[in-house]
Every structure is written in structure tokens, then in C-alpha cells.
C-alpha atoms as a PDB file:
ATOM      1  CA  MET A   1      -9.178 -10.927 -26.791  1.00  0.00           C
ATOM      2  CA  ASN A   2      -5.675 -12.421 -26.921  1.00  0.00           C
ATOM      3  CA  ARG A   3      -6.479 -14.853 -24.112  1.00  0.00           C
ATOM      4  CA  GLN A   4      -9.609 -15.977 -25.919  1.00  0.00           C
ATOM      5  CA  HIS A   5      -7.704 -16.426 -29.175  1.00  0.00           C
ATOM      6  CA  ILE A   6      -4.993 -18.428 -27.434  1.00  0.00           C
ATOM      7  CA  GLN A   7      -7.599 -20.727 -25.907  1.00  0.00           C
ATOM      8  CA  ILE A   8      -9.233 -21.244 -29.308  1.00  0.00           C
ATOM      9  CA  LEU A   9      -5.802 -21.885 -30.801  1.00  0.00           C
ATOM     10  CA  ARG A  10      -5.080 -24.558 -28.198  1.00  0.00           C
ATOM     11  CA  VAL A  11      -8.451 -26.236 -28.818  1.00  0.00           C
ATOM     12  CA  GLN A  12      -7.704 -26.366 -32.548  1.00  0.00           C
ATOM     13  CA  LEU A  13      -4.229 -27.791 -31.910  1.00  0.00           C
ATOM     14  CA  LEU A  14      -5.571 -30.455 -29.550  1.00  0.00           C
ATOM     15  CA  ALA A  15      -8.167 -31.501 -32.116  1.00  0.00           C
ATOM     16  CA  MET A  16      -5.503 -31.695 -34.801  1.00  0.00           C
ATOM     17  CA  ALA A  17      -3.240 -33.745 -32.516  1.00  0.00           C
ATOM     18  CA  ARG A  18      -6.032 -36.194 -31.732  1.00  0.00           C
ATOM     19  CA  LEU A  19      -6.814 -36.754 -35.417  1.00  0.00           C
ATOM     20  CA  SER A  20      -3.152 -37.104 -36.386  1.00  0.00           C
ATOM     21  CA  GLN A  21      -2.433 -39.633 -33.649  1.00  0.00           C
ATOM     22  CA  ARG A  22      -5.552 -41.620 -34.523  1.00  0.00           C
ATOM     23  CA  ALA A  23      -4.561 -41.699 -38.195  1.00  0.00           C
ATOM     24  CA  PHE A  24      -1.071 -42.979 -37.383  1.00  0.00           C
ATOM     25  CA  ASP A  25      -2.458 -45.513 -34.902  1.00  0.00           C
ATOM     26  CA  ASP A  26      -4.878 -46.827 -37.551  1.00  0.00           C
ATOM     27  CA  ALA A  27      -2.050 -47.016 -40.098  1.00  0.00           C
ATOM     28  CA  VAL A  28       0.120 -49.046 -37.704  1.00  0.00           C
ATOM     29  CA  LYS A  29      -2.778 -51.354 -36.796  1.00  0.00           C
ATOM     30  CA  GLY A  30      -3.693 -51.798 -40.444  1.00  0.00           C
ATOM     31  CA  TYR A  31      -0.152 -52.981 -41.151  1.00  0.00           C
ATOM     32  CA  GLU A  32       0.363 -55.094 -38.021  1.00  0.00           C
ATOM     33  CA  LEU A  33      -3.053 -56.783 -38.133  1.00  0.00           C
ATOM     34  CA  ARG A  34      -3.204 -57.014 -41.950  1.00  0.00           C
ATOM     35  CA  ASN A  35      -6.554 -55.254 -41.628  1.00  0.00           C
ATOM     36  CA  LEU A  36      -8.056 -53.291 -44.516  1.00  0.00           C
ATOM     37  CA  ASP A  37     -10.650 -51.585 -42.312  1.00  0.00           C
ATOM     38  CA  PHE A  38      -8.013 -49.898 -40.153  1.00  0.00           C
ATOM     39  CA  ALA A  39      -5.957 -48.896 -43.205  1.00  0.00           C
ATOM     40  CA  ARG A  40      -8.976 -47.470 -45.021  1.00  0.00           C
ATOM     41  CA  HIS A  41     -10.033 -45.491 -41.956  1.00  0.00           C
ATOM     42  CA  VAL A  42      -6.831 -43.410 -41.915  1.00  0.00           C
ATOM     43  CA  ASP A  43      -8.013 -40.628 -44.215  1.00  0.00           C
ATOM     44  CA  LYS A  44     -11.683 -40.608 -43.138  1.00  0.00           C
ATOM     45  CA  ALA A  45     -11.262 -37.372 -41.163  1.00  0.00           C
ATOM     46  CA  ASP A  46      -8.896 -35.730 -43.650  1.00  0.00           C
ATOM     47  CA  LYS A  47     -11.210 -32.787 -44.385  1.00  0.00           C
ATOM     48  CA  GLU A  48     -11.710 -32.062 -40.684  1.00  0.00           C
ATOM     49  CA  PHE A  49      -7.963 -32.346 -40.077  1.00  0.00           C
ATOM     50  CA  GLN A  50      -7.132 -29.876 -42.846  1.00  0.00           C
ATOM     51  CA  GLU A  51      -9.726 -27.426 -41.504  1.00  0.00           C
ATOM     52  CA  HIS A  52      -8.126 -27.429 -38.055  1.00  0.00           C
ATOM     53  CA  HIS A  53      -4.731 -26.764 -39.640  1.00  0.00           C
ATOM     54  CA  ARG A  54      -6.140 -23.863 -41.667  1.00  0.00           C
ATOM     55  CA  ARG A  55      -7.729 -22.325 -38.563  1.00  0.00           C
ATOM     56  CA  ILE A  56      -4.461 -22.591 -36.617  1.00  0.00           C
ATOM     57  CA  LYS A  57      -2.572 -20.689 -39.299  1.00  0.00           C
ATOM     58  CA  GLU A  58      -5.267 -18.008 -39.389  1.00  0.00           C
ATOM     59  CA  LEU A  59      -5.384 -17.599 -35.613  1.00  0.00           C
ATOM     60  CA  ARG A  60      -1.601 -17.579 -35.292  1.00  0.00           C
ATOM     61  CA  GLY A  61      -1.395 -14.678 -37.727  1.00  0.00           C
ATOM     62  CA  ASP A  62      -3.926 -12.623 -35.738  1.00  0.00           C
ATOM     63  CA  LEU A  63      -2.210 -12.922 -32.359  1.00  0.00           C
ATOM     64  CA  ASP A  64       0.167 -10.425 -30.832  1.00  0.00           C
ATOM     65  CA  THR A  65       1.356 -10.807 -27.245  1.00  0.00           C
ATOM     66  CA  ALA A  66       4.182  -9.665 -25.007  1.00  0.00           C
ATOM     67  CA  ASN A  67       3.559 -12.428 -22.474  1.00  0.00           C
ATOM     68  CA  ALA A  68       6.563 -14.783 -22.524  1.00  0.00           C
ATOM     69  CA  SER A  69       4.561 -17.951 -21.875  1.00  0.00           C
ATOM     70  CA  ASP A  70       1.984 -17.090 -24.539  1.00  0.00           C
ATOM     71  CA  PHE A  71       4.749 -16.214 -26.989  1.00  0.00           C
ATOM     72  CA  ARG A  72       6.420 -19.596 -26.428  1.00  0.00           C
ATOM     73  CA  PHE A  73       3.100 -21.358 -26.907  1.00  0.00           C
ATOM     74  CA  MET A  74       2.413 -19.541 -30.167  1.00  0.00           C
ATOM     75  CA  ALA A  75       5.927 -20.245 -31.412  1.00  0.00           C
ATOM     76  CA  ALA A  76       5.547 -23.918 -30.501  1.00  0.00           C
ATOM     77  CA  THR A  77       2.076 -24.167 -32.026  1.00  0.00           C
ATOM     78  CA  LEU A  78       3.155 -23.704 -35.633  1.00  0.00           C
ATOM     79  CA  SER A  79       6.001 -26.201 -35.239  1.00  0.00           C
ATOM     80  CA  ILE A  80       3.661 -28.767 -33.685  1.00  0.00           C
ATOM     81  CA  ALA A  81       0.928 -28.167 -36.271  1.00  0.00           C
ATOM     82  CA  THR A  82       3.404 -28.618 -39.119  1.00  0.00           C
ATOM     83  CA  ALA A  83       4.742 -31.820 -37.536  1.00  0.00           C
ATOM     84  CA  LEU A  84       1.215 -33.156 -37.043  1.00  0.00           C
ATOM     85  CA  HIS A  85       0.416 -32.412 -40.681  1.00  0.00           C
ATOM     86  CA  LEU A  86       3.492 -34.306 -41.868  1.00  0.00           C
ATOM     87  CA  THR A  87       2.689 -37.194 -39.515  1.00  0.00           C
ATOM     88  CA  HIS A  88      -0.823 -37.381 -40.942  1.00  0.00           C
ATOM     89  CA  SER A  89       0.583 -37.460 -44.485  1.00  0.00           C
ATOM     90  CA  ALA A  90       3.036 -40.236 -43.562  1.00  0.00           C
ATOM     91  CA  ALA A  91       0.217 -42.240 -41.966  1.00  0.00           C
ATOM     92  CA  LYS A  92      -1.803 -42.003 -45.172  1.00  0.00           C
ATOM     93  CA  GLU A  93       1.155 -43.201 -47.238  1.00  0.00           C
ATOM     94  CA  ILE A  94       1.687 -46.207 -44.952  1.00  0.00           C
ATOM     95  CA  ALA A  95      -2.029 -47.013 -45.104  1.00  0.00           C
ATOM     96  CA  GLN A  96      -2.162 -46.725 -48.892  1.00  0.00           C
ATOM     97  CA  SER A  97       0.828 -49.041 -49.241  1.00  0.00           C
ATOM     98  CA  THR A  98      -0.837 -51.498 -46.849  1.00  0.00           C
ATOM     99  CA  ILE A  99      -4.071 -51.444 -48.834  1.00  0.00           C
ATOM    100  CA  ARG A 100      -2.292 -52.020 -52.147  1.00  0.00           C
ATOM    101  CA  LEU A 101      -0.395 -55.051 -50.869  1.00  0.00           C
ATOM    102  CA  LEU A 102      -3.306 -56.546 -48.941  1.00  0.00           C
ATOM    103  CA  GLU A 103      -5.499 -56.313 -52.028  1.00  0.00           C
ATOM    104  CA  SER A 104      -2.894 -58.120 -54.116  1.00  0.00           C
ATOM    105  CA  SER A 105      -0.561 -60.702 -52.603  1.00  0.00           C
ATOM    106  CA  GLY A 106      -0.818 -60.004 -48.861  1.00  0.00           C
ATOM    107  CA  ILE A 107       1.788 -58.866 -46.331  1.00  0.00           C
ATOM    108  CA  GLU A 108       4.528 -61.081 -44.927  1.00  0.00           C
ATOM    109  CA  LYS A 109       5.422 -60.774 -41.242  1.00  0.00           C
ATOM    110  CA  CYS A 110       8.433 -58.608 -40.415  1.00  0.00           C
ATOM    111  CA  SER A 111       8.917 -58.500 -36.635  1.00  0.00           C
ATOM    112  CA  PRO A 112      11.675 -55.816 -36.464  1.00  0.00           C
ATOM    113  CA  LEU A 113       9.652 -53.437 -38.604  1.00  0.00           C
ATOM    114  CA  GLU A 114       6.505 -54.091 -36.579  1.00  0.00           C
ATOM    115  CA  LYS A 115       8.403 -53.478 -33.343  1.00  0.00           C
ATOM    116  CA  LEU A 116       9.727 -50.191 -34.681  1.00  0.00           C
ATOM    117  CA  ALA A 117       6.211 -49.140 -35.712  1.00  0.00           C
ATOM    118  CA  GLN A 118       4.942 -49.939 -32.214  1.00  0.00           C
ATOM    119  CA  GLY A 119       7.697 -47.815 -30.660  1.00  0.00           C
ATOM    120  CA  MET A 120       6.898 -44.873 -32.950  1.00  0.00           C
ATOM    121  CA  ASN A 121       3.206 -45.218 -32.142  1.00  0.00           C
ATOM    122  CA  ALA A 122       3.910 -45.195 -28.405  1.00  0.00           C
ATOM    123  CA  SER A 123       6.097 -42.091 -28.745  1.00  0.00           C
ATOM    124  CA  MET A 124       3.459 -40.281 -30.767  1.00  0.00           C
ATOM    125  CA  ARG A 125       0.800 -41.136 -28.210  1.00  0.00           C
ATOM    126  CA  LEU A 126       2.983 -39.765 -25.408  1.00  0.00           C
ATOM    127  CA  CYS A 127       3.513 -36.521 -27.301  1.00  0.00           C
ATOM    128  CA  VAL A 128      -0.238 -36.049 -27.667  1.00  0.00           C
ATOM    129  CA  ILE A 129      -0.790 -36.783 -23.965  1.00  0.00           C
ATOM    130  CA  ALA A 130       1.950 -34.272 -23.111  1.00  0.00           C
ATOM    131  CA  LEU A 131       0.170 -31.667 -25.210  1.00  0.00           C
ATOM    132  CA  PHE A 132      -3.231 -32.362 -23.623  1.00  0.00           C
ATOM    133  CA  ASN A 133      -1.901 -32.398 -20.053  1.00  0.00           C
ATOM    134  CA  LYS A 134       0.894 -29.820 -20.460  1.00  0.00           C
ATOM    135  CA  ASN A 135       3.181 -32.530 -19.101  1.00  0.00           C
ATOM    136  CA  LYS A 136       6.873 -32.153 -19.925  1.00  0.00           C
ATOM    137  CA  ARG A 137       7.784 -35.573 -18.522  1.00  0.00           C
ATOM    138  CA  TYR A 138       5.711 -37.328 -21.180  1.00  0.00           C
ATOM    139  CA  ALA A 139       7.577 -35.360 -23.846  1.00  0.00           C
ATOM    140  CA  ARG A 140      10.937 -36.412 -22.402  1.00  0.00           C
ATOM    141  CA  THR A 141       9.793 -40.044 -22.217  1.00  0.00           C
ATOM    142  CA  ALA A 142       8.820 -39.894 -25.898  1.00  0.00           C
ATOM    143  CA  LEU A 143      12.340 -38.740 -26.714  1.00  0.00           C
ATOM    144  CA  ARG A 144      13.869 -41.600 -24.710  1.00  0.00           C
ATOM    145  CA  ILE A 145      11.750 -44.143 -26.592  1.00  0.00           C
ATOM    146  CA  GLN A 146      12.953 -42.595 -29.840  1.00  0.00           C
ATOM    147  CA  GLU A 147      16.572 -42.852 -28.709  1.00  0.00           C
ATOM    148  CA  GLN A 148      16.112 -46.525 -27.913  1.00  0.00           C
ATOM    149  CA  SER A 149      14.628 -47.121 -31.362  1.00  0.00           C
ATOM    150  CA  VAL A 150      17.625 -45.466 -32.989  1.00  0.00           C
ATOM    151  CA  GLN A 151      20.006 -47.592 -30.958  1.00  0.00           C
ATOM    152  CA  LEU A 152      18.198 -50.799 -31.839  1.00  0.00           C
ATOM    153  CA  TYR A 153      17.640 -50.276 -35.541  1.00  0.00           C
ATOM    154  CA  GLU A 154      19.356 -48.809 -38.533  1.00  0.00           C
ATOM    155  CA  LEU A 155      17.136 -49.312 -41.521  1.00  0.00           C
ATOM    156  CA  GLY A 156      18.250 -49.439 -45.150  1.00  0.00           C
ATOM    157  CA  VAL A 157      17.647 -51.045 -48.506  1.00  0.00           C
ATOM    158  CA  SER A 158      20.495 -53.544 -48.269  1.00  0.00           C
ATOM    159  CA  ASP A 159      19.337 -54.843 -44.874  1.00  0.00           C
ATOM    160  CA  SER A 160      16.092 -56.386 -46.074  1.00  0.00           C
ATOM    161  CA  SER A 161      16.003 -59.860 -47.579  1.00  0.00           C
ATOM    162  CA  SER A 162      12.518 -59.347 -49.036  1.00  0.00           C
ATOM    163  CA  VAL A 163      11.869 -59.060 -52.760  1.00  0.00           C
ATOM    164  CA  GLY A 164       9.211 -57.755 -55.110  1.00  0.00           C
ATOM    165  CA  GLN A 165       6.077 -56.123 -53.742  1.00  0.00           C
ATOM    166  CA  GLN A 166       6.970 -57.022 -50.153  1.00  0.00           C
ATOM    167  CA  LYS A 167      10.306 -55.215 -50.434  1.00  0.00           C
ATOM    168  CA  ASP A 168       8.645 -52.147 -51.978  1.00  0.00           C
ATOM    169  CA  PHE A 169       6.095 -52.187 -49.183  1.00  0.00           C
ATOM    170  CA  GLU A 170       8.756 -52.382 -46.478  1.00  0.00           C
ATOM    171  CA  HIS A 171      10.587 -49.451 -48.024  1.00  0.00           C
ATOM    172  CA  ALA A 172       7.371 -47.424 -48.028  1.00  0.00           C
ATOM    173  CA  VAL A 173       6.729 -48.223 -44.354  1.00  0.00           C
ATOM    174  CA  ILE A 174      10.324 -47.410 -43.428  1.00  0.00           C
ATOM    175  CA  ARG A 175      10.087 -44.057 -45.208  1.00  0.00           C
ATOM    176  CA  GLY A 176       6.831 -43.308 -43.408  1.00  0.00           C
ATOM    177  CA  LEU A 177       8.188 -44.269 -40.002  1.00  0.00           C
ATOM    178  CA  GLY A 178      11.331 -42.239 -40.623  1.00  0.00           C
ATOM    179  CA  ALA A 179       9.205 -39.200 -41.401  1.00  0.00           C
ATOM    180  CA  VAL A 180       7.101 -39.732 -38.271  1.00  0.00           C
ATOM    181  CA  ALA A 181      10.249 -40.126 -36.166  1.00  0.00           C
ATOM    182  CA  GLU A 182      11.376 -36.690 -37.332  1.00  0.00           C
ATOM    183  CA  GLN A 183       8.029 -35.175 -36.414  1.00  0.00           C
ATOM    184  CA  ILE A 184       8.011 -36.774 -32.956  1.00  0.00           C
ATOM    185  CA  TYR A 185      11.364 -35.139 -32.237  1.00  0.00           C
ATOM    186  CA  ASP A 186      10.025 -31.792 -33.427  1.00  0.00           C
ATOM    187  CA  ILE A 187       6.811 -32.068 -31.397  1.00  0.00           C
ATOM    188  CA  ALA A 188       8.626 -33.077 -28.221  1.00  0.00           C
ATOM    189  CA  HIS A 189      11.187 -30.289 -28.627  1.00  0.00           C
ATOM    190  CA  ALA A 190       8.447 -27.715 -29.243  1.00  0.00           C
ATOM    191  CA  LEU A 191       6.557 -28.923 -26.178  1.00  0.00           C
ATOM    192  CA  LEU A 192       9.642 -28.634 -23.987  1.00  0.00           C
ATOM    193  CA  TYR A 193      10.355 -25.157 -25.349  1.00  0.00           C
ATOM    194  CA  TRP A 194       6.780 -24.094 -24.561  1.00  0.00           C
ATOM    195  CA  LEU A 195       6.682 -25.668 -21.090  1.00  0.00           C
ATOM    196  CA  GLU A 196      10.284 -25.015 -20.012  1.00  0.00           C
ATOM    197  CA  GLY A 197      11.406 -22.073 -22.094  1.00  0.00           C
ATOM    198  CA  LYS A 198      14.561 -23.786 -23.282  1.00  0.00           C
ATOM    199  CA  HIS A 199      15.676 -24.616 -26.780  1.00  0.00           C
ATOM    200  CA  MET A 200      16.621 -28.171 -27.651  1.00  0.00           C
ATOM    201  CA  SER A 201      18.030 -29.559 -30.846  1.00  0.00           C
ATOM    202  CA  ALA A 202      18.806 -33.017 -32.098  1.00  0.00           C
ATOM    203  CA  PRO A 203      20.473 -33.506 -35.489  1.00  0.00           C
ATOM    204  CA  LYS A 204      18.712 -36.260 -37.373  1.00  0.00           C
ATOM    205  CA  LEU A 205      19.203 -38.068 -40.627  1.00  0.00           C
ATOM    206  CA  VAL A 206      16.333 -39.375 -42.719  1.00  0.00           C
ATOM    207  CA  HIS A 207      17.355 -41.244 -45.815  1.00  0.00           C
ATOM    208  CA  ASP A 208      15.350 -42.191 -48.900  1.00  0.00           C
ATOM    209  CA  TYR A 209      14.803 -45.751 -47.711  1.00  0.00           C
ATOM    210  CA  GLY A 210      15.358 -45.595 -44.025  1.00  0.00           C
ATOM    211  CA  TYR A 211      15.783 -43.774 -40.779  1.00  0.00           C
ATOM    212  CA  SER A 212      18.931 -43.498 -38.760  1.00  0.00           C
ATOM    213  CA  SER A 213      20.527 -40.979 -36.456  1.00  0.00           C
ATOM    214  CA  ARG A 214      24.144 -40.827 -35.350  1.00  0.00           C
ATOM    215  CA  GLN A 215      23.519 -37.872 -33.072  1.00  0.00           C
ATOM    216  CA  VAL A 216      20.426 -37.984 -30.881  1.00  0.00           C
ATOM    217  CA  LEU A 217      19.094 -36.239 -27.836  1.00  0.00           C
ATOM    218  CA  SER A 218      19.396 -37.889 -24.462  1.00  0.00           C
ATOM    219  CA  ALA A 219      16.639 -36.542 -22.221  1.00  0.00           C
ATOM    220  CA  HIS A 220      16.767 -37.437 -18.549  1.00  0.00           C
ATOM    221  CA  SER A 221      14.150 -37.039 -15.848  1.00  0.00           C
ATOM    222  CA  GLY A 222      16.393 -36.364 -12.889  1.00  0.00           C
ATOM    223  CA  GLY A 223      14.050 -33.991 -11.054  1.00  0.00           C
ATOM    224  CA  ASP A 224      12.767 -30.466 -11.543  1.00  0.00           C
ATOM    225  CA  THR A 225      16.193 -28.844 -11.238  1.00  0.00           C
ATOM    226  CA  ALA A 226      17.692 -31.119 -13.861  1.00  0.00           C
ATOM    227  CA  LEU A 227      14.933 -31.140 -16.458  1.00  0.00           C
ATOM    228  CA  TYR A 228      17.021 -32.570 -19.214  1.00  0.00           C
ATOM    229  CA  ILE A 229      20.595 -32.972 -20.322  1.00  0.00           C
ATOM    230  CA  GLN A 230      21.436 -32.599 -23.974  1.00  0.00           C
ATOM    231  CA  SER A 231      24.123 -34.954 -25.163  1.00  0.00           C
ATOM    232  CA  ARG A 232      25.388 -36.212 -28.474  1.00  0.00           C
ATOM    233  CA  ARG A 233      26.332 -39.803 -28.962  1.00  0.00           C
ATOM    234  CA  ASP A 234      28.032 -41.225 -31.992  1.00  0.00           C
ATOM    235  CA  PHE A 235      26.421 -44.600 -32.567  1.00  0.00           C
ATOM    236  CA  GLY A 236      28.735 -47.020 -34.280  1.00  0.00           C
ATOM    237  CA  PRO A 237      28.047 -50.555 -35.499  1.00  0.00           C
ATOM    238  CA  LYS A 238      27.845 -51.912 -31.952  1.00  0.00           C
ATOM    239  CA  ALA A 239      24.963 -49.606 -31.116  1.00  0.00           C
ATOM    240  CA  SER A 240      22.734 -50.823 -33.946  1.00  0.00           C
ATOM    241  CA  GLN A 241      21.335 -54.063 -35.150  1.00  0.00           C
ATOM    242  CA  SER A 242      20.903 -54.748 -38.835  1.00  0.00           C
ATOM    243  CA  PHE A 243      17.355 -54.782 -40.066  1.00  0.00           C
ATOM    244  CA  THR A 244      16.291 -58.172 -41.388  1.00  0.00           C
ATOM    245  CA  CYS A 245      12.858 -59.701 -41.795  1.00  0.00           C
END
């Protein structure tokens, strides 16, 4: 029965991952393309998404196993499900902010913010692929993309030259992307714990109006015997570029 429950649990998690990634992808496209249809589509499957999350919590509580691999999967499942739920919520907030501004004055172009959103979207997509394919290399690649984003950008209120509704909108997007960045780290770490049996940690800082990290994980793909190397790097001013639109 345990094996059957674990399979059902994985199916529920995969469905939840697919819906979460699609919601975030639609939110990013709605912002980048200034498209109301994409933004409005973000919460279309909200009821289905919440049902998958409920089922995961129920199934997780019913399982009991001594198998190490199954135990790691179950431990990772709740972390991933929670991260997917928070990602879905952040996607809805970005979409709602996009809709409000598009229906009023419109959205001004902000290339650095759009580039950051694209990087987050790519990382999230890789995490979902890693989950579907049980592929640890995709998870490590997602972490490397995140590290590059941290090195390139340090977002904050004082960095933006925008004013009024545009400035409020940018802050909302930055908050949403910062939240998603946290969840991508958590998903990738949980995947690597499940697939490799090793704990990883990466201290992160998410601020009210931005996302930055002075200490991040460096994950390398130097072969099966060197799956990853955890390192901490203190990024100073030279490692970041100010955020300006």
C-alpha cells in the first residue's frame, strides 16, 4: 500500500508543480507582453491547484516507511509543495498588479526587471523538469541561474527612478520575484536532498521591496563523484549592479 500511496503522492506533486509553473509563466508573460489575457489566466486553475495541495498533505500524513529513498521523497514533498504554493501566490500577486496598472495608465518598459523575471522563470521551469525527470543536474542548473541573478542585481526602493503607479507596480513585481527566488532555492535543495541524500542550505535575504543575497549556494556539475560544492561568497558592491529602469 505504501508504494501505491507514494506513487499517488508523486502524481499529485507533479500536477501541482505543473500548475504552479504555468501560473508563474503566465504572470511573467502578462507583465513582459503587457497582456491582460495572460495576467487574467493566472488564477484560472486555483481551485484545482488547492485541491492537489490538500491531497498531498492528506497522503503525507498517512504514509509510514522505513525505506530511506521513500523517506527522503516524503520529506522533500512537503517542502516542495509548500514552495509551489508560495510561488503560486506570488504569481497571482504579480498578475493582479499587472492587471491594475494595465487597466489604468499602462506599464512602462523596465529591461532589468524583465530580465530578472525571465531568469526566475527559467529557473522555475528547470526545477519542474528536474522533478518530472528525477534529474539532479537540472536542479543544480537552476541554482546556478539563481546565483547569476543575485550577482547581477540587487533590488531596492532607492534604485528605481520610477514614480507613482509605475513605482508601486515595480515594487510589487520585485516582492513577487523575491518570494519566487526563495521558493526556487527551496525546491532545488529539496530535490537534491531527495535524489542525492545530502542536505544543502543557502542563507537568503528577502527584503520588503527587493531581493538580495550576500551568501548563496554555488552548485557545480563536475561529475557524479563531485555532485556539488557548497560555498559562501560575500558579494560586495562590485558583484552587483544597481537596479534602474
